[in-house]
Amino acid sequence: DREDVAFYGEYLAVDPPNEFTWTFVFDVPGVGPMGGPETH
C-alpha cells in the first residue's frame, strides 16, 4: 500500500550485551530523510 522506505544508519557505540547506539534514518518518498541517534 505504499512506496518502499529505506532505513539506514551507522553504529556509534556498541556494548554487548548491554546496549548499542546507532543513527536511525529513514528516507520517506516525497519527504526525504529524517531521523537521528537512537540508543537501545
PDB file of all heavy atoms in Angstrom:
ATOM      1  N   ASP A   1       0.792  -1.229   0.000  1.00  0.00           N
ATOM      2  CA  ASP A   1       0.000   0.000   0.000  1.00  0.00           C
ATOM      3  C   ASP A   1       0.831   1.289   0.000  1.00  0.00           C
ATOM      4  O   ASP A   1       0.288   2.368   0.202  1.00  0.00           O
ATOM      5  CB  ASP A   1      -0.954  -0.002   1.195  1.00  0.00           C
ATOM      6  CG  ASP A   1      -0.229  -0.029   2.536  1.00  0.00           C
ATOM      7  OD1 ASP A   1       0.975  -0.360   2.565  1.00  0.00           O
ATOM      8  OD2 ASP A   1      -0.879   0.287   3.556  1.00  0.00           O
ATOM      9  N   ARG A   2       2.137   1.183  -0.230  1.00  0.00           N
ATOM     10  CA  ARG A   2       2.981   2.388  -0.252  1.00  0.00           C
ATOM     11  C   ARG A   2       4.280   2.103  -0.996  1.00  0.00           C
ATOM     12  O   ARG A   2       4.608   0.973  -1.294  1.00  0.00           O
ATOM     13  CB  ARG A   2       3.293   2.847   1.166  1.00  0.00           C
ATOM     14  CG  ARG A   2       4.078   1.816   1.953  1.00  0.00           C
ATOM     15  CD  ARG A   2       4.703   2.410   3.200  1.00  0.00           C
ATOM     16  NE  ARG A   2       5.202   1.407   4.093  1.00  0.00           N
ATOM     17  CZ  ARG A   2       6.312   0.695   3.890  1.00  0.00           C
ATOM     18  NH1 ARG A   2       7.046   0.900   2.830  1.00  0.00           N
ATOM     19  NH2 ARG A   2       6.703  -0.223   4.752  1.00  0.00           N
ATOM     20  N   GLU A   3       5.008   3.192  -1.260  1.00  0.00           N
ATOM     21  CA  GLU A   3       6.338   3.037  -1.858  1.00  0.00           C
ATOM     22  C   GLU A   3       7.295   2.449  -0.827  1.00  0.00           C
ATOM     23  O   GLU A   3       7.077   2.565   0.383  1.00  0.00           O
ATOM     24  CB  GLU A   3       6.872   4.409  -2.310  1.00  0.00           C
ATOM     25  CG  GLU A   3       6.112   5.012  -3.482  1.00  0.00           C
ATOM     26  CD  GLU A   3       6.772   6.301  -3.948  1.00  0.00           C
ATOM     27  OE1 GLU A   3       7.969   6.281  -4.280  1.00  0.00           O
ATOM     28  OE2 GLU A   3       6.059   7.320  -3.964  1.00  0.00           O
ATOM     29  N   ASP A   4       8.374   1.833  -1.310  1.00  0.00           N
ATOM     30  CA  ASP A   4       9.386   1.295  -0.406  1.00  0.00           C
ATOM     31  C   ASP A   4      10.027   2.418   0.399  1.00  0.00           C
ATOM     32  O   ASP A   4      10.161   3.543  -0.078  1.00  0.00           O
ATOM     33  CB  ASP A   4      10.481   0.567  -1.185  1.00  0.00           C
ATOM     34  CG  ASP A   4       9.979  -0.729  -1.808  1.00  0.00           C
ATOM     35  OD1 ASP A   4       8.858  -1.147  -1.498  1.00  0.00           O
ATOM     36  OD2 ASP A   4      10.723  -1.303  -2.616  1.00  0.00           O
ATOM     37  N   VAL A   5      10.400   2.092   1.627  1.00  0.00           N
ATOM     38  CA  VAL A   5      11.059   3.053   2.509  1.00  0.00           C
ATOM     39  C   VAL A   5      12.405   2.460   2.927  1.00  0.00           C
ATOM     40  O   VAL A   5      12.467   1.321   3.389  1.00  0.00           O
ATOM     41  CB  VAL A   5      10.211   3.357   3.766  1.00  0.00           C
ATOM     42  CG1 VAL A   5      10.954   4.313   4.702  1.00  0.00           C
ATOM     43  CG2 VAL A   5       8.856   3.935   3.378  1.00  0.00           C
ATOM     44  N   ALA A   6      13.478   3.234   2.754  1.00  0.00           N
ATOM     45  CA  ALA A   6      14.814   2.792   3.156  1.00  0.00           C
ATOM     46  C   ALA A   6      15.106   3.262   4.573  1.00  0.00           C
ATOM     47  O   ALA A   6      14.817   4.399   4.931  1.00  0.00           O
ATOM     48  CB  ALA A   6      15.866   3.354   2.196  1.00  0.00           C
ATOM     49  N   PHE A   7      15.660   2.366   5.375  1.00  0.00           N
ATOM     50  CA  PHE A   7      16.121   2.664   6.731  1.00  0.00           C
ATOM     51  C   PHE A   7      17.618   2.388   6.754  1.00  0.00           C
ATOM     52  O   PHE A   7      18.056   1.366   6.214  1.00  0.00           O
ATOM     53  CB  PHE A   7      15.428   1.755   7.759  1.00  0.00           C
ATOM     54  CG  PHE A   7      13.946   1.971   7.862  1.00  0.00           C
ATOM     55  CD1 PHE A   7      13.081   1.351   6.983  1.00  0.00           C
ATOM     56  CD2 PHE A   7      13.431   2.784   8.850  1.00  0.00           C
ATOM     57  CE1 PHE A   7      11.714   1.534   7.079  1.00  0.00           C
ATOM     58  CE2 PHE A   7      12.062   2.975   8.962  1.00  0.00           C
ATOM     59  CZ  PHE A   7      11.194   2.353   8.071  1.00  0.00           C
ATOM     60  N   TYR A   8      18.392   3.275   7.377  1.00  0.00           N
ATOM     61  CA  TYR A   8      19.837   3.071   7.376  1.00  0.00           C
ATOM     62  C   TYR A   8      20.485   3.885   8.484  1.00  0.00           C
ATOM     63  O   TYR A   8      19.853   4.748   9.095  1.00  0.00           O
ATOM     64  CB  TYR A   8      20.446   3.448   6.021  1.00  0.00           C
ATOM     65  CG  TYR A   8      20.115   4.851   5.566  1.00  0.00           C
ATOM     66  CD1 TYR A   8      20.950   5.921   5.871  1.00  0.00           C
ATOM     67  CD2 TYR A   8      18.954   5.109   4.846  1.00  0.00           C
ATOM     68  CE1 TYR A   8      20.647   7.200   5.462  1.00  0.00           C
ATOM     69  CE2 TYR A   8      18.642   6.392   4.431  1.00  0.00           C
ATOM     70  CZ  TYR A   8      19.492   7.430   4.737  1.00  0.00           C
ATOM     71  OH  TYR A   8      19.172   8.702   4.339  1.00  0.00           O
ATOM     72  N   GLY A   9      21.744   3.596   8.754  1.00  0.00           N
ATOM     73  CA  GLY A   9      22.468   4.346   9.764  1.00  0.00           C
ATOM     74  C   GLY A   9      23.850   3.793  10.011  1.00  0.00           C
ATOM     75  O   GLY A   9      24.345   2.937   9.273  1.00  0.00           O
ATOM     76  N   GLU A  10      24.443   4.302  11.078  1.00  0.00           N
ATOM     77  CA  GLU A  10      25.814   3.931  11.464  1.00  0.00           C
ATOM     78  C   GLU A  10      25.835   3.653  12.963  1.00  0.00           C
ATOM     79  O   GLU A  10      25.180   4.338  13.739  1.00  0.00           O
ATOM     80  CB  GLU A  10      26.766   5.090  11.148  1.00  0.00           C
ATOM     81  CG  GLU A  10      28.183   4.856  11.579  1.00  0.00           C
ATOM     82  CD  GLU A  10      29.080   6.056  11.298  1.00  0.00           C
ATOM     83  OE1 GLU A  10      28.694   6.925  10.488  1.00  0.00           O
ATOM     84  OE2 GLU A  10      30.154   6.126  11.899  1.00  0.00           O
ATOM     85  N   TYR A  11      26.582   2.625  13.353  1.00  0.00           N
ATOM     86  CA  TYR A  11      26.737   2.311  14.773  1.00  0.00           C
ATOM     87  C   TYR A  11      27.685   3.325  15.411  1.00  0.00           C
ATOM     88  O   TYR A  11      28.804   3.528  14.936  1.00  0.00           O
ATOM     89  CB  TYR A  11      27.276   0.892  14.961  1.00  0.00           C
ATOM     90  CG  TYR A  11      26.248  -0.153  14.648  1.00  0.00           C
ATOM     91  CD1 TYR A  11      26.163  -0.707  13.376  1.00  0.00           C
ATOM     92  CD2 TYR A  11      25.340  -0.560  15.614  1.00  0.00           C
ATOM     93  CE1 TYR A  11      25.195  -1.657  13.083  1.00  0.00           C
ATOM     94  CE2 TYR A  11      24.372  -1.509  15.323  1.00  0.00           C
ATOM     95  CZ  TYR A  11      24.307  -2.049  14.050  1.00  0.00           C
ATOM     96  OH  TYR A  11      23.350  -2.987  13.767  1.00  0.00           O
ATOM     97  N   LEU A  12      27.227   3.969  16.481  1.00  0.00           N
ATOM     98  CA  LEU A  12      28.019   4.979  17.187  1.00  0.00           C
ATOM     99  C   LEU A  12      28.691   4.409  18.428  1.00  0.00           C
ATOM    100  O   LEU A  12      29.768   4.861  18.817  1.00  0.00           O
ATOM    101  CB  LEU A  12      27.130   6.159  17.582  1.00  0.00           C
ATOM    102  CG  LEU A  12      26.355   6.824  16.431  1.00  0.00           C
ATOM    103  CD1 LEU A  12      25.416   7.891  16.974  1.00  0.00           C
ATOM    104  CD2 LEU A  12      27.321   7.403  15.408  1.00  0.00           C
ATOM    105  N   ALA A  13      28.049   3.438  19.084  1.00  0.00           N
ATOM    106  CA  ALA A  13      28.595   2.787  20.284  1.00  0.00           C
ATOM    107  C   ALA A  13      28.013   1.386  20.344  1.00  0.00           C
ATOM    108  O   ALA A  13      26.841   1.180  20.038  1.00  0.00           O
ATOM    109  CB  ALA A  13      28.245   3.574  21.541  1.00  0.00           C
ATOM    110  N   VAL A  14      28.852   0.426  20.749  1.00  0.00           N
ATOM    111  CA  VAL A  14      28.410  -0.959  20.864  1.00  0.00           C
ATOM    112  C   VAL A  14      28.979  -1.525  22.160  1.00  0.00           C
ATOM    113  O   VAL A  14      30.196  -1.530  22.357  1.00  0.00           O
ATOM    114  CB  VAL A  14      28.884  -1.801  19.653  1.00  0.00           C
ATOM    115  CG1 VAL A  14      28.441  -3.246  19.801  1.00  0.00           C
ATOM    116  CG2 VAL A  14      28.395  -1.206  18.342  1.00  0.00           C
ATOM    117  N   ASP A  15      28.098  -1.972  23.055  1.00  0.00           N
ATOM    118  CA  ASP A  15      28.498  -2.525  24.351  1.00  0.00           C
ATOM    119  C   ASP A  15      27.691  -3.805  24.613  1.00  0.00           C
ATOM    120  O   ASP A  15      26.748  -3.801  25.400  1.00  0.00           O
ATOM    121  CB  ASP A  15      28.260  -1.490  25.452  1.00  0.00           C
ATOM    122  CG  ASP A  15      28.619  -1.996  26.843  1.00  0.00           C
ATOM    123  OD1 ASP A  15      29.413  -2.953  26.951  1.00  0.00           O
ATOM    124  OD2 ASP A  15      28.076  -1.451  27.812  1.00  0.00           O
ATOM    125  N   PRO A  16      28.049  -4.917  23.920  1.00  0.00           N
ATOM    126  CA  PRO A  16      27.272  -6.138  24.104  1.00  0.00           C
ATOM    127  C   PRO A  16      27.487  -6.727  25.491  1.00  0.00           C
ATOM    128  O   PRO A  16      28.582  -6.632  26.017  1.00  0.00           O
ATOM    129  CB  PRO A  16      27.813  -7.078  23.023  1.00  0.00           C
ATOM    130  CG  PRO A  16      29.060  -6.464  22.499  1.00  0.00           C
ATOM    131  CD  PRO A  16      29.130  -5.052  22.990  1.00  0.00           C
ATOM    132  N   PRO A  17      26.507  -7.303  26.090  1.00  0.00           N
ATOM    133  CA  PRO A  17      25.122  -7.442  25.626  1.00  0.00           C
ATOM    134  C   PRO A  17      24.217  -6.353  26.187  1.00  0.00           C
ATOM    135  O   PRO A  17      22.993  -6.504  26.199  1.00  0.00           O
ATOM    136  CB  PRO A  17      24.728  -8.808  26.188  1.00  0.00           C
ATOM    137  CG  PRO A  17      25.416  -8.832  27.526  1.00  0.00           C
ATOM    138  CD  PRO A  17      26.741  -8.113  27.290  1.00  0.00           C
ATOM    139  N   ASN A  18      24.806  -5.248  26.624  1.00  0.00           N
ATOM    140  CA  ASN A  18      24.043  -4.223  27.352  1.00  0.00           C
ATOM    141  C   ASN A  18      23.314  -3.205  26.490  1.00  0.00           C
ATOM    142  O   ASN A  18      22.163  -2.885  26.761  1.00  0.00           O
ATOM    143  CB  ASN A  18      24.963  -3.477  28.318  1.00  0.00           C
ATOM    144  CG  ASN A  18      25.643  -4.422  29.277  1.00  0.00           C
ATOM    145  OD1 ASN A  18      24.982  -5.208  29.940  1.00  0.00           O
ATOM    146  ND2 ASN A  18      26.961  -4.376  29.321  1.00  0.00           N
ATOM    147  N   GLU A  19      23.996  -2.663  25.491  1.00  0.00           N
ATOM    148  CA  GLU A  19      23.353  -1.616  24.699  1.00  0.00           C
ATOM    149  C   GLU A  19      24.128  -1.325  23.427  1.00  0.00           C
ATOM    150  O   GLU A  19      25.282  -1.737  23.270  1.00  0.00           O
ATOM    151  CB  GLU A  19      23.187  -0.322  25.488  1.00  0.00           C
ATOM    152  CG  GLU A  19      24.476   0.407  25.803  1.00  0.00           C
ATOM    153  CD  GLU A  19      24.232   1.699  26.569  1.00  0.00           C
ATOM    154  OE1 GLU A  19      23.278   1.783  27.365  1.00  0.00           O
ATOM    155  OE2 GLU A  19      25.011   2.630  26.369  1.00  0.00           O
ATOM    156  N   PHE A  20      23.450  -0.618  22.538  1.00  0.00           N
ATOM    157  CA  PHE A  20      24.128  -0.051  21.373  1.00  0.00           C
ATOM    158  C   PHE A  20      23.425   1.253  21.007  1.00  0.00           C
ATOM    159  O   PHE A  20      22.255   1.467  21.325  1.00  0.00           O
ATOM    160  CB  PHE A  20      24.173  -1.021  20.181  1.00  0.00           C
ATOM    161  CG  PHE A  20      22.842  -1.302  19.536  1.00  0.00           C
ATOM    162  CD1 PHE A  20      22.356  -0.501  18.511  1.00  0.00           C
ATOM    163  CD2 PHE A  20      22.084  -2.393  19.932  1.00  0.00           C
ATOM    164  CE1 PHE A  20      21.141  -0.773  17.910  1.00  0.00           C
ATOM    165  CE2 PHE A  20      20.862  -2.682  19.340  1.00  0.00           C
ATOM    166  CZ  PHE A  20      20.396  -1.862  18.325  1.00  0.00           C
ATOM    167  N   THR A  21      24.181   2.132  20.363  1.00  0.00           N
ATOM    168  CA  THR A  21      23.646   3.390  19.857  1.00  0.00           C
ATOM    169  C   THR A  21      23.967   3.452  18.375  1.00  0.00           C
ATOM    170  O   THR A  21      25.092   3.148  17.960  1.00  0.00           O
ATOM    171  CB  THR A  21      24.273   4.604  20.578  1.00  0.00           C
ATOM    172  OG1 THR A  21      23.975   4.505  21.973  1.00  0.00           O
ATOM    173  CG2 THR A  21      23.731   5.918  20.042  1.00  0.00           C
ATOM    174  N   TRP A  22      22.968   3.837  17.594  1.00  0.00           N
ATOM    175  CA  TRP A  22      23.165   3.997  16.161  1.00  0.00           C
ATOM    176  C   TRP A  22      22.420   5.224  15.688  1.00  0.00           C
ATOM    177  O   TRP A  22      21.601   5.786  16.416  1.00  0.00           O
ATOM    178  CB  TRP A  22      22.727   2.766  15.395  1.00  0.00           C
ATOM    179  CG  TRP A  22      21.249   2.397  15.454  1.00  0.00           C
ATOM    180  CD1 TRP A  22      20.211   3.125  16.005  1.00  0.00           C
ATOM    181  CD2 TRP A  22      20.667   1.211  14.950  1.00  0.00           C
ATOM    182  NE1 TRP A  22      19.034   2.446  15.873  1.00  0.00           N
ATOM    183  CE2 TRP A  22      19.267   1.267  15.215  1.00  0.00           C
ATOM    184  CE3 TRP A  22      21.152   0.106  14.283  1.00  0.00           C
ATOM    185  CZ2 TRP A  22      18.389   0.269  14.845  1.00  0.00           C
ATOM    186  CZ3 TRP A  22      20.258  -0.884  13.913  1.00  0.00           C
ATOM    187  CH2 TRP A  22      18.907  -0.802  14.196  1.00  0.00           C
ATOM    188  N   THR A  23      22.723   5.652  14.493  1.00  0.00           N
ATOM    189  CA  THR A  23      21.856   6.636  13.864  1.00  0.00           C
ATOM    190  C   THR A  23      20.768   5.847  13.157  1.00  0.00           C
ATOM    191  O   THR A  23      21.028   4.805  12.545  1.00  0.00           O
ATOM    192  CB  THR A  23      22.616   7.533  12.860  1.00  0.00           C
ATOM    193  OG1 THR A  23      23.318   6.721  11.929  1.00  0.00           O
ATOM    194  CG2 THR A  23      23.582   8.453  13.570  1.00  0.00           C
ATOM    195  N   PHE A  24      19.549   6.294  13.309  1.00  0.00           N
ATOM    196  CA  PHE A  24      18.395   5.641  12.693  1.00  0.00           C
ATOM    197  C   PHE A  24      17.775   6.654  11.746  1.00  0.00           C
ATOM    198  O   PHE A  24      17.176   7.642  12.182  1.00  0.00           O
ATOM    199  CB  PHE A  24      17.389   5.215  13.761  1.00  0.00           C
ATOM    200  CG  PHE A  24      16.215   4.468  13.200  1.00  0.00           C
ATOM    201  CD1 PHE A  24      16.307   3.109  12.986  1.00  0.00           C
ATOM    202  CD2 PHE A  24      15.041   5.127  12.886  1.00  0.00           C
ATOM    203  CE1 PHE A  24      15.218   2.411  12.456  1.00  0.00           C
ATOM    204  CE2 PHE A  24      13.961   4.439  12.364  1.00  0.00           C
ATOM    205  CZ  PHE A  24      14.046   3.084  12.148  1.00  0.00           C
ATOM    206  N   VAL A  25      17.967   6.436  10.453  1.00  0.00           N
ATOM    207  CA  VAL A  25      17.478   7.364   9.438  1.00  0.00           C
ATOM    208  C   VAL A  25      16.512   6.603   8.542  1.00  0.00           C
ATOM    209  O   VAL A  25      16.765   5.452   8.188  1.00  0.00           O
ATOM    210  CB  VAL A  25      18.650   7.926   8.597  1.00  0.00           C
ATOM    211  CG1 VAL A  25      18.136   8.881   7.528  1.00  0.00           C
ATOM    212  CG2 VAL A  25      19.665   8.617   9.497  1.00  0.00           C
ATOM    213  N   PHE A  26      15.407   7.229   8.201  1.00  0.00           N
ATOM    214  CA  PHE A  26      14.505   6.635   7.229  1.00  0.00           C
ATOM    215  C   PHE A  26      14.220   7.662   6.151  1.00  0.00           C
ATOM    216  O   PHE A  26      14.088   8.848   6.410  1.00  0.00           O
ATOM    217  CB  PHE A  26      13.231   6.068   7.859  1.00  0.00           C
ATOM    218  CG  PHE A  26      12.490   6.994   8.778  1.00  0.00           C
ATOM    219  CD1 PHE A  26      11.322   7.602   8.385  1.00  0.00           C
ATOM    220  CD2 PHE A  26      12.968   7.227  10.060  1.00  0.00           C
ATOM    221  CE1 PHE A  26      10.629   8.435   9.239  1.00  0.00           C
ATOM    222  CE2 PHE A  26      12.280   8.054  10.922  1.00  0.00           C
ATOM    223  CZ  PHE A  26      11.109   8.667  10.508  1.00  0.00           C
ATOM    224  N   ASP A  27      14.184   7.180   4.919  1.00  0.00           N
ATOM    225  CA  ASP A  27      14.040   8.038   3.754  1.00  0.00           C
ATOM    226  C   ASP A  27      12.658   7.816   3.163  1.00  0.00           C
ATOM    227  O   ASP A  27      12.414   6.824   2.475  1.00  0.00           O
ATOM    228  CB  ASP A  27      15.132   7.703   2.735  1.00  0.00           C
ATOM    229  CG  ASP A  27      15.354   8.811   1.744  1.00  0.00           C
ATOM    230  OD1 ASP A  27      14.544   9.757   1.704  1.00  0.00           O
ATOM    231  OD2 ASP A  27      16.344   8.741   0.999  1.00  0.00           O
ATOM    232  N   VAL A  28      11.748   8.736   3.457  1.00  0.00           N
ATOM    233  CA  VAL A  28      10.361   8.609   3.038  1.00  0.00           C
ATOM    234  C   VAL A  28      10.181   9.275   1.675  1.00  0.00           C
ATOM    235  O   VAL A  28      10.513  10.456   1.516  1.00  0.00           O
ATOM    236  CB  VAL A  28       9.417   9.267   4.074  1.00  0.00           C
ATOM    237  CG1 VAL A  28       7.972   9.173   3.632  1.00  0.00           C
ATOM    238  CG2 VAL A  28       9.633   8.654   5.443  1.00  0.00           C
ATOM    239  N   PRO A  29       9.676   8.528   0.679  1.00  0.00           N
ATOM    240  CA  PRO A  29       9.458   9.129  -0.638  1.00  0.00           C
ATOM    241  C   PRO A  29       8.577  10.376  -0.533  1.00  0.00           C
ATOM    242  O   PRO A  29       7.548  10.376   0.135  1.00  0.00           O
ATOM    243  CB  PRO A  29       8.743   8.008  -1.416  1.00  0.00           C
ATOM    244  CG  PRO A  29       9.192   6.742  -0.746  1.00  0.00           C
ATOM    245  CD  PRO A  29       9.317   7.105   0.709  1.00  0.00           C
ATOM    246  N   GLY A  30       9.006  11.441  -1.171  1.00  0.00           N
ATOM    247  CA  GLY A  30       8.270  12.696  -1.154  1.00  0.00           C
ATOM    248  C   GLY A  30       8.535  13.567   0.054  1.00  0.00           C
ATOM    249  O   GLY A  30       8.139  14.718   0.093  1.00  0.00           O
ATOM    250  N   VAL A  31       9.216  13.017   1.071  1.00  0.00           N
ATOM    251  CA  VAL A  31       9.508  13.775   2.295  1.00  0.00           C
ATOM    252  C   VAL A  31      11.006  13.950   2.459  1.00  0.00           C
ATOM    253  O   VAL A  31      11.489  15.015   2.798  1.00  0.00           O
ATOM    254  CB  VAL A  31       8.923  13.075   3.549  1.00  0.00           C
ATOM    255  CG1 VAL A  31       9.283  13.822   4.823  1.00  0.00           C
ATOM    256  CG2 VAL A  31       7.412  12.921   3.412  1.00  0.00           C
ATOM    257  N   GLY A  32      11.747  12.901   2.199  1.00  0.00           N
ATOM    258  CA  GLY A  32      13.201  12.943   2.345  1.00  0.00           C
ATOM    259  C   GLY A  32      13.649  12.253   3.616  1.00  0.00           C
ATOM    260  O   GLY A  32      12.841  11.747   4.391  1.00  0.00           O
ATOM    261  N   PRO A  33      14.966  12.234   3.850  1.00  0.00           N
ATOM    262  CA  PRO A  33      15.490  11.544   5.027  1.00  0.00           C
ATOM    263  C   PRO A  33      15.190  12.292   6.323  1.00  0.00           C
ATOM    264  O   PRO A  33      15.171  13.513   6.358  1.00  0.00           O
ATOM    265  CB  PRO A  33      16.995  11.474   4.770  1.00  0.00           C
ATOM    266  CG  PRO A  33      17.274  12.530   3.766  1.00  0.00           C
ATOM    267  CD  PRO A  33      16.023  12.764   2.998  1.00  0.00           C
ATOM    268  N   MET A  34      14.907  11.514   7.375  1.00  0.00           N
ATOM    269  CA  MET A  34      14.721  12.080   8.706  1.00  0.00           C
ATOM    270  C   MET A  34      15.169  11.042   9.719  1.00  0.00           C
ATOM    271  O   MET A  34      15.237   9.858   9.418  1.00  0.00           O
ATOM    272  CB  MET A  34      13.270  12.492   8.933  1.00  0.00           C
ATOM    273  CG  MET A  34      12.261  11.381   8.810  1.00  0.00           C
ATOM    274  SD  MET A  34      10.562  11.904   9.103  1.00  0.00           S
ATOM    275  CE  MET A  34      10.218  12.842   7.652  1.00  0.00           C
ATOM    276  N   GLY A  35      15.519  11.493  10.904  1.00  0.00           N
ATOM    277  CA  GLY A  35      15.932  10.574  11.947  1.00  0.00           C
ATOM    278  C   GLY A  35      17.014  11.184  12.817  1.00  0.00           C
ATOM    279  O   GLY A  35      17.278  12.382  12.755  1.00  0.00           O
ATOM    280  N   GLY A  36      17.666  10.344  13.594  1.00  0.00           N
ATOM    281  CA  GLY A  36      18.703  10.811  14.492  1.00  0.00           C
ATOM    282  C   GLY A  36      19.262   9.658  15.304  1.00  0.00           C
ATOM    283  O   GLY A  36      18.991   8.492  15.021  1.00  0.00           O
ATOM    284  N   PRO A  37      20.029   9.975  16.343  1.00  0.00           N
ATOM    285  CA  PRO A  37      20.617   8.912  17.162  1.00  0.00           C
ATOM    286  C   PRO A  37      19.553   8.191  17.987  1.00  0.00           C
ATOM    287  O   PRO A  37      18.546   8.776  18.391  1.00  0.00           O
ATOM    288  CB  PRO A  37      21.607   9.653  18.054  1.00  0.00           C
ATOM    289  CG  PRO A  37      21.124  11.056  18.090  1.00  0.00           C
ATOM    290  CD  PRO A  37      20.435  11.305  16.786  1.00  0.00           C
ATOM    291  N   GLU A  38      19.794   6.905  18.202  1.00  0.00           N
ATOM    292  CA  GLU A  38      18.866   6.064  18.932  1.00  0.00           C
ATOM    293  C   GLU A  38      19.687   5.089  19.773  1.00  0.00           C
ATOM    294  O   GLU A  38      20.611   4.463  19.265  1.00  0.00           O
ATOM    295  CB  GLU A  38      18.003   5.312  17.911  1.00  0.00           C
ATOM    296  CG  GLU A  38      16.841   4.582  18.439  1.00  0.00           C
ATOM    297  CD  GLU A  38      15.965   4.070  17.315  1.00  0.00           C
ATOM    298  OE1 GLU A  38      16.295   3.032  16.721  1.00  0.00           O
ATOM    299  OE2 GLU A  38      14.937   4.727  17.030  1.00  0.00           O
ATOM    300  N   THR A  39      19.344   4.964  21.052  1.00  0.00           N
ATOM    301  CA  THR A  39      20.044   4.042  21.952  1.00  0.00           C
ATOM    302  C   THR A  39      19.089   2.944  22.388  1.00  0.00           C
ATOM    303  O   THR A  39      17.967   3.220  22.807  1.00  0.00           O
ATOM    304  CB  THR A  39      20.594   4.782  23.182  1.00  0.00           C
ATOM    305  OG1 THR A  39      21.534   5.771  22.741  1.00  0.00           O
ATOM    306  CG2 THR A  39      21.287   3.821  24.137  1.00  0.00           C
ATOM    307  N   HIS A  40      19.553   1.700  22.280  1.00  0.00           N
ATOM    308  CA  HIS A  40      18.797   0.526  22.710  1.00  0.00           C
ATOM    309  C   HIS A  40      19.535  -0.105  23.879  1.00  0.00           C
ATOM    310  O   HIS A  40      20.717  -0.418  23.766  1.00  0.00           O
ATOM    311  CB  HIS A  40      18.695  -0.505  21.583  1.00  0.00           C
ATOM    312  CG  HIS A  40      18.039   0.025  20.348  1.00  0.00           C
ATOM    313  ND1 HIS A  40      16.691  -0.056  20.145  1.00  0.00           N
ATOM    314  CD2 HIS A  40      18.545   0.660  19.267  1.00  0.00           C
ATOM    315  CE1 HIS A  40      16.394   0.492  18.987  1.00  0.00           C
ATOM    316  NE2 HIS A  40      17.498   0.935  18.431  1.00  0.00           N
TER     317      HIS A  40
END
